[in-house]
Amino acid sequence: MKKLILMLVVFISTLNTISYGATKKKVASNSNTPQKVAENFVNGYSIRIRNGNSDN
């Protein structure tokens, strides 16, 4: 009986962990984090320098 309860607890906690990870990843990919903003700025800046567009 103890084994059954333990297995049930482990199974439920595993499901919760998996669903939390999936939710967190989905939210992080959709949100505009400061790191994403910085990466986009740096990437856009380097592309403008390569193209010679200093006024944009």
Protein backbone atom coordinates (compact mmCIF):
# COMPACT_ATOMS: atom_id res chain seq x y z
CA MET A 1 0.00 0.00 0.00
CA LYS A 2 2.85 2.38 0.82
CA LYS A 3 4.47 1.62 -2.53
CA LEU A 4 1.26 2.43 -4.37
CA ILE A 5 0.87 5.77 -2.60
CA LEU A 6 4.52 6.61 -3.20
CA MET A 7 4.24 5.75 -6.90
CA LEU A 8 1.12 7.89 -7.17
CA VAL A 9 2.83 10.87 -5.52
CA VAL A 10 5.88 10.54 -7.78
CA PHE A 11 3.69 10.26 -10.88
CA ILE A 12 1.65 13.36 -9.99
CA SER A 13 4.74 15.41 -9.15
CA THR A 14 6.36 14.36 -12.43
CA LEU A 15 3.31 15.48 -14.39
CA ASN A 16 3.28 18.81 -12.55
CA THR A 17 6.97 19.35 -13.29
CA ILE A 18 6.54 18.57 -16.99
CA SER A 19 3.51 20.83 -17.38
CA TYR A 20 5.23 23.66 -15.46
CA GLY A 21 8.27 23.42 -17.72
CA ALA A 22 6.12 23.49 -20.86
CA THR A 23 4.13 26.48 -19.60
CA LYS A 24 7.27 28.35 -18.59
CA LYS A 25 8.89 27.75 -21.97
CA LYS A 26 5.75 28.90 -23.82
CA VAL A 27 5.50 32.11 -21.80
CA ALA A 28 9.21 32.85 -22.16
CA SER A 29 9.13 32.44 -25.92
CA ASN A 30 6.13 34.76 -26.29
CA SER A 31 7.29 37.52 -23.95
CA ASN A 32 9.74 40.25 -24.84
CA THR A 33 12.40 39.83 -22.17
CA PRO A 34 15.15 42.42 -21.64
CA GLN A 35 17.67 39.93 -23.03
CA LYS A 36 15.62 39.52 -26.22
CA VAL A 37 15.36 43.29 -26.58
CA ALA A 38 19.13 43.63 -26.18
CA GLU A 39 19.82 40.82 -28.66
CA ASN A 40 17.49 42.36 -31.24
CA PHE A 41 19.09 45.77 -30.75
CA VAL A 42 22.62 44.41 -31.13
CA ASN A 43 21.70 42.28 -34.14
CA GLY A 44 19.90 45.16 -35.83
CA TYR A 45 22.74 47.55 -35.05
CA SER A 46 25.37 45.23 -36.55
CA ILE A 47 23.24 44.70 -39.68
CA ARG A 48 22.84 48.47 -40.14
CA ILE A 49 26.60 48.97 -39.81
CA ARG A 50 27.28 46.27 -42.41
CA ASN A 51 24.77 47.84 -44.80
CA GLY A 52 26.18 51.31 -44.28
CA ASN A 53 22.88 52.79 -43.08
CA SER A 54 24.06 55.03 -40.26
CA ASP A 55 20.90 57.17 -40.24
CA ASN A 56 18.49 54.30 -39.40
